[in-house]
Amino acid sequence: RSGARRRFDPRAYLPPLDELLDALRDRAYVVKCAPGIDFAVLEQLGFDGEIEVTSLAGSVREACLWSRRLSAGGERRRATVLDTG
């Protein structure tokens, strides 16, 4: 994030997510991203792993991209809900 604004287009990340995914291709990895990442753009970039969205106390906090080598049982999307109570 630069300044007070979140970046929702993964090509605007630093480094750009498309370049990072190219560099990590054929490796096991997890990348933490903004919670509002556009899933359709991820598909356009060729991401074929699992997307895990995590919420804490009812607020979405992050999205993690799990490489295909680390994804759980071929799942494409997963939600993890953490409660403070």
Protein backbone atom coordinates (compact mmCIF):
# COMPACT_ATOMS: atom_id res chain seq x y z
CA ARG A 1 0.00 0.00 0.00
CA SER A 2 1.26 3.46 -0.82
CA GLY A 3 -0.11 6.34 1.20
CA ALA A 4 -3.60 5.81 2.61
CA ARG A 5 -5.09 3.95 -0.37
CA ARG A 6 -5.23 0.21 -0.86
CA ARG A 7 -4.34 -1.25 -4.24
CA PHE A 8 -6.98 -3.61 -5.59
CA ASP A 9 -5.42 -4.21 -9.01
CA PRO A 10 -2.62 -6.73 -8.43
CA ARG A 11 -0.66 -5.32 -11.38
CA ALA A 12 -0.32 -2.08 -9.34
CA TYR A 13 1.36 -3.86 -6.40
CA LEU A 14 5.05 -3.34 -5.74
CA PRO A 15 6.40 -5.58 -7.14
CA PRO A 16 3.57 -6.13 -9.64
CA LEU A 17 1.87 -9.43 -8.86
CA ASP A 18 2.11 -10.69 -12.44
CA GLU A 19 5.90 -10.30 -12.32
CA LEU A 20 6.08 -11.95 -8.89
CA LEU A 21 3.99 -14.92 -10.03
CA ASP A 22 6.24 -15.35 -13.06
CA ALA A 23 9.32 -15.36 -10.82
CA LEU A 24 7.75 -17.92 -8.46
CA ARG A 25 6.38 -20.21 -11.15
CA ASP A 26 7.04 -23.91 -10.39
CA ARG A 27 7.77 -23.13 -6.73
CA ALA A 28 5.79 -23.63 -3.53
CA TYR A 29 4.72 -20.20 -2.23
CA VAL A 30 2.12 -18.14 -0.36
CA VAL A 31 1.58 -14.45 -1.16
CA LYS A 32 -0.42 -12.15 1.15
CA CYS A 33 -2.58 -9.69 -0.78
CA ALA A 34 -5.12 -6.95 -0.13
CA PRO A 35 -8.53 -8.26 0.97
CA GLY A 36 -10.30 -6.65 -1.99
CA ILE A 37 -8.16 -8.27 -4.69
CA ASP A 38 -10.06 -8.84 -7.93
CA PHE A 39 -10.34 -12.63 -8.43
CA ALA A 40 -11.09 -12.19 -12.14
CA VAL A 41 -7.79 -10.35 -12.63
CA LEU A 42 -5.98 -13.20 -10.85
CA GLU A 43 -7.41 -15.61 -13.41
CA GLN A 44 -6.32 -13.28 -16.23
CA LEU A 45 -2.79 -13.37 -14.78
CA GLY A 46 -2.84 -17.16 -14.95
CA PHE A 47 -2.98 -17.82 -11.20
CA ASP A 48 -4.17 -21.41 -10.77
CA GLY A 49 -3.69 -22.00 -7.04
CA GLU A 50 -5.98 -21.48 -4.06
CA ILE A 51 -7.27 -18.13 -2.77
CA GLU A 52 -7.81 -17.99 1.00
CA VAL A 53 -9.76 -15.02 2.36
CA THR A 54 -9.43 -14.44 6.12
CA SER A 55 -11.82 -12.44 8.28
CA LEU A 56 -11.35 -11.39 11.89
CA ALA A 57 -14.32 -10.38 14.03
CA GLY A 58 -16.49 -9.89 10.93
CA SER A 59 -14.00 -7.82 8.94
CA VAL A 60 -12.13 -9.22 5.93
CA ARG A 61 -8.42 -8.78 6.67
CA GLU A 62 -6.43 -10.42 3.89
CA ALA A 63 -6.37 -12.68 0.89
CA CYS A 64 -3.57 -15.22 0.55
CA LEU A 65 -2.59 -16.90 -2.69
CA TRP A 66 -1.43 -20.47 -2.18
CA SER A 67 0.49 -22.01 -5.06
CA ARG A 68 -0.98 -25.10 -6.63
CA ARG A 69 1.76 -27.16 -4.93
CA LEU A 70 0.58 -25.98 -1.49
CA SER A 71 -3.18 -25.81 -2.02
CA ALA A 72 -5.34 -28.16 0.01
CA GLY A 73 -6.89 -30.95 -2.04
CA GLY A 74 -7.47 -29.02 -5.23
CA GLU A 75 -9.67 -26.36 -3.61
CA ARG A 76 -9.78 -23.06 -5.50
CA ARG A 77 -11.20 -20.79 -2.79
CA ARG A 78 -11.39 -20.98 0.97
CA ALA A 79 -12.69 -18.70 3.72
CA THR A 80 -11.14 -18.69 7.17
CA VAL A 81 -13.18 -17.00 9.91
CA LEU A 82 -11.44 -15.99 13.13
CA ASP A 83 -13.51 -14.87 16.11
CA THR A 84 -12.10 -12.82 18.96
CA GLY A 85 -14.64 -14.03 21.45
